[in-house]
Protein backbone atom coordinates (compact mmCIF):
# COMPACT_ATOMS: atom_id res chain seq x y z
CA MET A 1 13.30 -32.85 45.81
CA ALA A 2 15.45 -35.87 46.73
CA TYR A 3 16.90 -38.65 44.57
CA ALA A 4 18.67 -41.93 45.49
CA ALA A 5 21.32 -43.30 43.16
CA ASP A 6 24.44 -45.45 43.77
CA GLY A 7 24.18 -45.01 47.53
CA ALA A 8 24.25 -41.21 47.33
CA ALA A 9 21.40 -38.80 47.93
CA TYR A 10 21.14 -35.53 46.07
CA ARG A 11 19.04 -32.61 47.28
CA LEU A 12 18.24 -29.57 45.12
CA ASP A 13 16.83 -26.59 46.91
CA ARG A 14 15.76 -23.35 45.16
CA LEU A 15 16.67 -20.46 47.43
CA SER A 16 15.67 -17.06 45.99
CA ASP A 17 17.69 -16.70 42.77
CA SER A 18 20.46 -19.08 43.84
CA LEU A 19 20.79 -22.79 43.26
CA GLN A 20 22.34 -24.77 46.11
CA LEU A 21 23.55 -28.27 45.43
CA THR A 22 23.89 -30.57 48.43
CA VAL A 23 25.53 -33.94 48.12
CA ALA A 24 25.32 -36.46 50.96
CA GLY A 25 27.09 -39.75 50.80
CA HIS A 26 25.92 -43.19 52.01
CA ALA A 27 22.31 -42.22 52.55
CA ARG A 28 19.13 -43.24 50.74
CA ALA A 29 16.10 -41.04 50.28
CA PRO A 30 12.81 -42.09 51.92
CA ARG A 31 10.44 -44.05 49.75
CA GLY A 32 8.04 -41.90 47.76
CA SER A 33 10.18 -38.78 47.96
CA GLY A 34 10.58 -38.62 44.18
CA ARG A 35 6.95 -37.73 43.48
CA TYR A 36 5.95 -34.27 42.11
CA ASN A 37 5.24 -31.67 44.80
CA GLY A 38 6.28 -34.16 47.50
CA PRO A 39 7.79 -33.11 50.84
CA ALA A 40 11.49 -32.36 50.94
CA CYS A 41 13.73 -34.97 52.58
CA ALA A 42 15.58 -34.10 55.72
CA PRO A 43 19.28 -33.81 55.03
CA PRO A 44 21.48 -36.60 56.42
CA ARG A 45 23.94 -35.80 59.14
CA GLN A 46 27.30 -34.23 58.35
CA PRO A 47 26.65 -33.51 54.63
CA HIS A 48 29.35 -32.48 52.21
CA LEU A 49 28.15 -29.17 50.63
CA PHE A 50 28.95 -27.72 47.23
CA ALA A 51 27.33 -24.34 46.49
CA VAL A 52 26.82 -23.23 42.86
CA THR A 53 25.16 -19.83 42.50
CA THR A 54 23.75 -18.19 39.34
CA THR A 55 21.94 -14.86 39.21
CA SER A 56 18.88 -14.68 36.90
CA THR A 57 19.33 -10.94 36.38
CA THR A 58 22.70 -11.39 34.68
CA PRO A 59 22.18 -10.86 30.90
CA ARG A 60 23.19 -13.69 28.64
CA ARG A 61 25.63 -12.84 25.91
CA LEU A 62 24.17 -14.02 22.62
CA PRO A 63 26.27 -14.67 19.54
CA ASP A 64 25.98 -12.16 16.70
CA VAL A 65 27.48 -13.43 13.46
CA ALA A 66 26.53 -10.17 11.71
CA PHE A 67 29.84 -8.80 12.98
CA ASP A 68 31.81 -11.55 11.22
CA ALA A 69 33.94 -10.59 8.23
CA ALA A 70 32.01 -10.46 4.94
CA ALA A 71 32.97 -12.94 2.26
CA ALA A 72 33.55 -11.40 -1.18
CA ALA A 73 33.25 -8.00 0.48
CA ARG A 74 31.62 -5.21 -1.51
CA PRO A 75 28.96 -2.52 -0.98
CA LEU A 76 25.30 -3.36 -1.71
CA ASP A 77 22.76 -1.06 -3.30
CA TRP A 78 19.82 -1.99 -1.06
CA VAL A 79 19.16 -4.42 1.79
CA GLY A 80 15.95 -4.66 3.76
CA MET A 81 12.48 -6.18 4.04
CA SER A 82 9.37 -6.23 1.88
CA ASN A 83 5.63 -6.59 2.49
CA ILE A 84 5.65 -5.47 6.13
CA ALA A 85 2.11 -5.00 7.48
CA LEU A 86 1.66 -1.52 8.97
CA PRO A 87 -1.15 0.92 9.83
CA LEU A 88 -0.93 4.31 8.10
CA ARG A 89 -2.70 7.57 8.76
CA VAL A 90 -3.42 9.27 5.44
CA ALA A 91 -5.38 12.38 4.52
CA THR A 92 -8.77 12.12 2.82
CA GLY A 93 -10.19 14.52 0.25
CA ASP A 94 -11.53 16.87 2.94
CA GLY A 95 -8.27 16.80 4.89
CA GLU A 96 -9.48 14.53 7.69
CA PRO A 97 -7.05 11.66 8.36
CA ILE A 98 -8.07 8.00 8.33
CA THR A 99 -6.11 4.86 9.21
CA VAL A 100 -5.57 2.30 6.45
CA ALA A 101 -3.78 -1.04 6.23
CA ALA A 102 -0.55 -0.83 4.26
CA SER A 103 2.17 -3.08 2.89
CA VAL A 104 5.61 -1.52 3.29
CA ASP A 105 9.04 -2.19 1.81
CA VAL A 106 12.02 -0.75 3.68
CA SER A 107 15.70 -0.83 2.79
CA VAL A 108 19.03 0.91 3.29
CA ASP A 109 22.22 0.74 1.31
CA LEU A 110 25.17 -1.19 2.74
CA ALA A 111 27.88 1.33 2.02
CA ASP A 112 30.48 -0.33 4.27
CA ALA A 113 31.93 -3.05 2.05
CA ASN A 114 33.36 -5.01 4.99
CA SER A 115 30.12 -5.15 7.00
CA ARG A 116 28.44 -8.51 6.66
CA GLY A 117 24.90 -7.25 7.14
CA ILE A 118 22.64 -4.43 8.28
CA HIS A 119 20.75 -4.16 11.59
CA MET A 120 17.43 -5.40 10.22
CA SER A 121 15.52 -5.72 13.49
CA ARG A 122 16.20 -2.04 14.26
CA MET A 123 14.52 -1.09 10.99
CA TYR A 124 11.46 -3.21 11.70
CA LEU A 125 10.97 -1.87 15.22
CA GLN A 126 11.46 1.70 14.03
CA LEU A 127 8.65 1.31 11.51
CA GLN A 128 6.05 -0.26 13.81
CA ASN A 129 4.61 3.01 15.06
CA ALA A 130 6.25 5.45 12.65
CA PHE A 131 3.01 6.39 10.85
CA ALA A 132 0.32 5.24 13.28
CA SER A 133 -0.10 8.56 15.10
CA GLU A 134 0.65 11.18 12.42
CA THR A 135 -0.52 11.69 8.85
CA VAL A 136 1.97 10.71 6.16
CA THR A 137 3.67 13.86 4.86
CA PRO A 138 6.94 14.60 3.04
CA ALA A 139 8.44 15.95 6.27
CA GLY A 140 7.41 12.83 8.19
CA LEU A 141 8.85 10.55 5.52
CA ARG A 142 12.15 12.45 5.63
CA ARG A 143 12.32 12.11 9.41
CA VAL A 144 11.71 8.35 9.35
CA LEU A 145 14.22 7.79 6.55
CA GLN A 146 16.89 9.79 8.39
CA THR A 147 16.32 7.73 11.53
CA LEU A 148 16.63 4.50 9.54
CA ILE A 149 20.05 5.61 8.31
CA GLU A 150 21.25 6.73 11.74
CA GLU A 151 20.15 3.46 13.37
CA GLN A 152 22.59 1.56 11.17
CA GLY A 153 25.57 3.00 13.04
CA GLY A 154 27.49 4.42 10.10
CA ILE A 155 27.33 1.52 7.65
CA SER A 156 24.52 3.08 5.53
CA THR A 157 24.12 6.42 3.78
CA ALA A 158 20.70 6.10 2.08
CA ALA A 159 17.25 4.73 2.92
CA ARG A 160 14.12 3.91 0.95
CA LEU A 161 10.46 3.33 1.83
CA VAL A 162 7.71 2.04 -0.46
CA LEU A 163 4.21 2.28 1.03
CA ARG A 164 1.28 0.56 -0.70
CA TYR A 165 -2.33 0.99 0.37
CA GLU A 166 -5.81 1.82 -0.90
CA GLN A 167 -6.89 5.44 -0.59
CA LEU A 168 -10.55 5.93 0.34
CA LEU A 169 -12.34 9.01 -0.95
CA LEU A 170 -16.01 9.84 -0.40
CA ARG A 171 -17.59 10.57 -3.78
CA PRO A 172 -20.97 12.30 -4.30
CA ALA A 173 -23.47 10.88 -6.78
CA LEU A 174 -23.91 12.68 -10.09
CA ALA A 175 -27.53 13.76 -9.62
CA SER A 176 -29.01 12.35 -6.40
CA ASP A 177 -28.13 13.34 -2.85
CA ASN A 178 -26.24 10.08 -2.21
CA ALA A 179 -22.53 9.45 -1.79
CA GLY A 180 -20.24 6.44 -1.54
CA TRP A 181 -16.66 5.51 -0.72
CA LYS A 182 -14.33 4.81 -3.61
CA ARG A 183 -10.92 3.20 -3.33
CA TYR A 184 -7.80 4.03 -5.30
CA PRO A 185 -4.62 1.90 -5.24
CA VAL A 186 -1.68 4.06 -4.14
CA GLU A 187 2.08 3.61 -3.86
CA ILE A 188 4.42 6.14 -2.23
CA ASP A 189 8.10 5.71 -3.09
CA ALA A 190 10.39 7.81 -0.86
CA THR A 191 14.21 7.81 -0.96
CA LEU A 192 16.64 9.85 1.14
CA ARG A 193 20.16 10.08 -0.24
CA GLU A 194 22.84 12.66 0.62
CA GLY A 195 20.22 14.71 2.42
CA HIS A 196 17.91 14.94 -0.61
CA LEU A 197 14.38 13.52 -0.45
CA HIS A 198 13.00 12.03 -3.66
CA LEU A 199 9.25 11.37 -3.71
CA ALA A 200 7.16 9.56 -6.30
CA LEU A 201 3.45 8.71 -6.28
CA ARG A 202 1.72 5.91 -8.13
CA PHE A 203 -2.06 5.74 -8.31
CA ALA A 204 -4.82 4.55 -10.61
CA VAL A 205 -8.13 6.03 -11.75
CA GLU A 206 -10.95 3.99 -13.31
CA TYR A 207 -13.32 5.51 -15.84
CA SER A 208 -15.73 4.60 -18.62
CA SER A 209 -14.70 4.98 -22.27
CA THR A 210 -17.19 4.99 -25.16
CA CYS A 211 -15.70 4.33 -28.59
CA PRO A 212 -16.08 7.28 -31.00
CA ALA A 213 -16.07 4.99 -34.05
CA SER A 214 -18.76 2.80 -32.58
CA ALA A 215 -20.82 5.88 -31.70
CA ALA A 216 -20.61 7.15 -35.30
CA LEU A 217 -21.66 3.78 -36.69
CA SER A 218 -24.56 3.64 -34.24
CA ARG A 219 -25.74 7.12 -35.21
CA GLN A 220 -25.75 6.05 -38.85
CA LEU A 221 -28.01 3.09 -38.13
CA ASN A 222 -30.31 5.27 -36.04
CA ALA A 223 -30.59 7.77 -38.88
CA GLU A 224 -31.32 5.05 -41.45
CA ARG A 225 -34.11 3.66 -39.29
CA PHE A 226 -35.59 7.12 -38.86
CA VAL A 227 -35.69 7.59 -42.63
CA GLU A 228 -37.22 4.16 -43.03
CA ASP A 229 -39.98 4.74 -40.48
CA PHE A 230 -40.86 8.29 -41.55
CA ALA A 231 -40.31 8.18 -45.31
CA ALA A 232 -44.01 8.70 -46.01
CA ALA A 233 -44.86 10.91 -43.07
CA ARG A 234 -45.83 14.41 -44.17
CA PRO A 235 -45.72 16.70 -42.29
CA LEU A 236 -43.66 15.59 -39.25
CA SER A 237 -44.65 16.73 -35.79
CA THR A 238 -42.16 17.04 -32.96
CA ALA A 239 -44.52 15.09 -30.71
CA VAL A 240 -44.52 12.10 -33.08
CA VAL A 241 -40.74 12.21 -33.53
CA GLY A 242 -40.22 12.52 -29.78
CA GLU A 243 -42.47 9.52 -29.14
CA TRP A 244 -40.57 7.52 -31.75
CA LEU A 245 -37.19 8.43 -30.27
CA ALA A 246 -38.34 7.29 -26.82
CA SER A 247 -39.51 3.93 -28.20
CA GLU A 248 -37.38 0.87 -28.91
CA ARG A 249 -37.54 1.73 -32.63
CA GLY A 250 -35.69 4.94 -31.87
CA LEU A 251 -32.54 3.05 -30.88
CA ALA A 252 -31.22 0.96 -33.73
CA ALA A 253 -27.72 0.56 -32.27
CA THR A 254 -25.64 1.53 -29.24
CA PRO A 255 -21.90 2.23 -29.19
CA HIS A 256 -19.69 -0.06 -27.17
CA ALA A 257 -18.23 1.24 -23.92
CA GLN A 258 -16.04 -0.36 -21.31
CA ARG A 259 -14.43 0.17 -17.95
CA SER A 260 -10.99 1.70 -18.40
CA ARG A 261 -8.04 2.55 -16.20
CA ALA A 262 -5.29 5.14 -16.06
CA ASP A 263 -2.16 4.16 -14.13
CA VAL A 264 -0.02 7.16 -13.27
CA ARG A 265 3.40 7.72 -11.74
CA VAL A 266 4.50 11.24 -10.83
CA GLU A 267 7.79 12.47 -9.41
CA LEU A 268 7.10 15.37 -7.06
CA ARG A 269 9.07 18.55 -6.61
CA PRO A 270 10.34 19.03 -3.04
CA ALA A 271 8.69 22.39 -2.42
CA PHE A 272 5.34 21.12 -1.10
CA ASP A 273 4.39 20.21 2.46
CA GLU A 274 1.55 17.80 1.70
CA LEU A 275 1.17 14.86 -0.64
CA PRO A 276 -1.20 16.11 -3.39
CA LEU A 277 -2.79 12.70 -3.94
CA ALA A 278 -6.47 13.65 -3.66
CA ALA A 279 -5.93 16.78 -5.77
CA LEU A 280 -4.24 14.79 -8.56
CA ILE A 281 -7.00 12.18 -8.56
CA ASP A 282 -9.64 14.91 -8.78
CA ALA A 283 -7.79 16.56 -11.68
CA LEU A 284 -7.61 13.33 -13.68
CA GLU A 285 -11.23 12.38 -13.09
CA GLN A 286 -12.33 15.82 -14.20
CA ALA A 287 -10.14 15.63 -17.31
CA LEU A 288 -11.46 12.21 -18.29
CA GLY A 289 -15.05 13.20 -17.57
CA THR A 290 -16.45 9.72 -16.89
CA PRO A 291 -15.05 8.32 -13.60
CA VAL A 292 -16.79 5.16 -12.41
CA GLN A 293 -19.45 5.80 -9.79
CA THR A 294 -20.34 4.53 -6.30
CA ALA A 295 -23.93 5.20 -5.16
CA VAL A 296 -26.22 5.23 -8.23
CA LYS A 297 -29.96 5.88 -8.56
CA ARG A 298 -31.77 6.10 -11.91
CA GLU A 299 -31.12 9.82 -12.23
CA ASP A 300 -27.40 9.19 -11.59
CA GLU A 301 -27.28 6.48 -14.24
CA GLN A 302 -28.90 8.79 -16.76
CA ALA A 303 -26.41 11.52 -15.93
CA PHE A 304 -23.58 9.01 -16.41
CA ALA A 305 -24.94 8.01 -19.84
CA ARG A 306 -24.97 11.69 -20.81
CA LEU A 307 -21.35 12.11 -19.68
CA ASN A 308 -20.31 9.15 -21.80
CA ALA A 309 -21.98 10.66 -24.87
CA GLU A 310 -20.20 13.95 -24.20
CA ASN A 311 -16.79 12.30 -23.68
CA LEU A 312 -16.33 9.83 -26.52
CA MET A 313 -12.68 8.76 -26.51
CA PHE A 314 -10.16 6.36 -27.92
CA CYS A 315 -7.29 5.33 -25.65
CA GLU A 316 -5.18 7.96 -27.47
CA ASP A 317 -7.68 10.64 -26.49
CA ALA A 318 -7.67 9.49 -22.87
CA ALA A 319 -3.84 9.52 -22.71
CA ARG A 320 -3.76 13.07 -24.04
CA ARG A 321 -6.36 14.22 -21.51
CA VAL A 322 -4.33 12.70 -18.66
CA ALA A 323 -1.13 14.32 -19.96
CA ALA A 324 -2.80 17.73 -20.25
CA ALA A 325 -3.93 17.59 -16.61
CA LEU A 326 -0.56 16.45 -15.27
CA SER A 327 1.57 18.83 -17.35
CA ALA A 328 -0.41 21.77 -15.94
CA ASP A 329 0.45 20.91 -12.32
CA PRO A 330 3.44 22.81 -10.81
CA ARG A 331 3.92 20.19 -8.09
CA ILE A 332 4.99 17.55 -10.62
CA GLU A 333 8.57 17.19 -11.85
CA ARG A 334 7.93 14.33 -14.27
CA PHE A 335 5.06 11.97 -15.02
CA ASP A 336 4.46 8.72 -16.82
CA ALA A 337 0.90 7.55 -17.57
CA HIS A 338 -0.49 4.33 -19.03
CA VAL A 339 -4.15 4.01 -20.04
CA ALA A 340 -5.94 0.77 -20.85
CA HIS A 341 -9.41 0.35 -22.32
CA PHE A 342 -10.64 -3.15 -21.48
CA GLU A 343 -12.50 -3.60 -24.73
CA SER A 344 -16.01 -4.98 -24.89
CA LEU A 345 -15.69 -5.36 -28.68
CA HIS A 346 -12.30 -7.09 -28.77
CA ALA A 347 -10.77 -9.89 -26.74
CA HIS A 348 -7.72 -7.67 -26.20
CA ASP A 349 -7.15 -4.28 -24.59
CA ALA A 350 -6.43 -0.95 -26.25
CA VAL A 351 -3.51 0.82 -24.51
CA ALA A 352 -1.50 4.04 -24.74
CA ARG A 353 1.42 5.52 -22.81
CA VAL A 354 2.51 9.13 -22.41
CA SER A 355 5.19 10.92 -20.37
CA GLY A 356 6.24 14.50 -19.77
CA GLN A 357 7.01 17.25 -17.26
CA GLY A 358 4.87 19.36 -14.96
CA ARG A 359 4.39 23.09 -15.36
CA ARG A 360 7.41 25.26 -14.68
CA ASP A 361 6.49 28.70 -13.38
């Protein structure tokens, strides 16, 4: 490409990875030579040459202010990132792994008071494929956390991961041959400090709660109606009574029931190789007796109504059932549970909280 300016012609030629600058005095470029993709101009006679060469393969040195001195220097408890999108492989109830979308928080301590900041990009890149090819286990979490500490080059001594996702479990219907997927919100909180791994699980179970007081009041009204309708009937036949019970007259009142939820946090003992998430969910649903359903036909709905009648409970009853299941588990160090009954009678919720320790063998 040639240019004409102030009686001097400039020619720039790209030769391989070098840039050669040719300056020729007292010569003008031919007309039209400035157009894009135009032919190169012939150099004038006896040019004065100046060669400037740069190599594209030479790495550029970029500034890194993270190595500057820290103002008001002091150690920091945790530094990192939150809400990172990651795929996770987690075990299902039958042991087969599935991949789920997760939101991850990652952090390390900044133990070196004089370091301005951590190597954050190293943490992010380390996490990208950390759990995509292997199921999340305590051993895998320890390995990732140890790598996060080592990648900081001596300025950190502890690391923490918080993984949030929805666990999918295939649940059979109560009476029919159907089944459906059910999701459970889960949070895994893993910390590695001084070589010790601390693991905590959060999860939630939804269930139906039928009020015992409301059931008693409903039974009273049903009994009063029975007396009213059969006061003069002598003798009574079981066929007549059965027909009456199956009619609308046989149901004077129904107790109120509502969807309810148990939110649980457990601290795990370090002696187990797998995360006992599915087993803990199963234990709580069995203890409560009325977990919400997925696939439902009429026979399943009837079976669910029977379970509700057999498991009348206040929120206090539900909290005690949850505590009994968790305190019997040897994998649990400590637990904290919160139950909420989202009342259909009241405009507010009925809640209870309980905490305790797992079984010590």
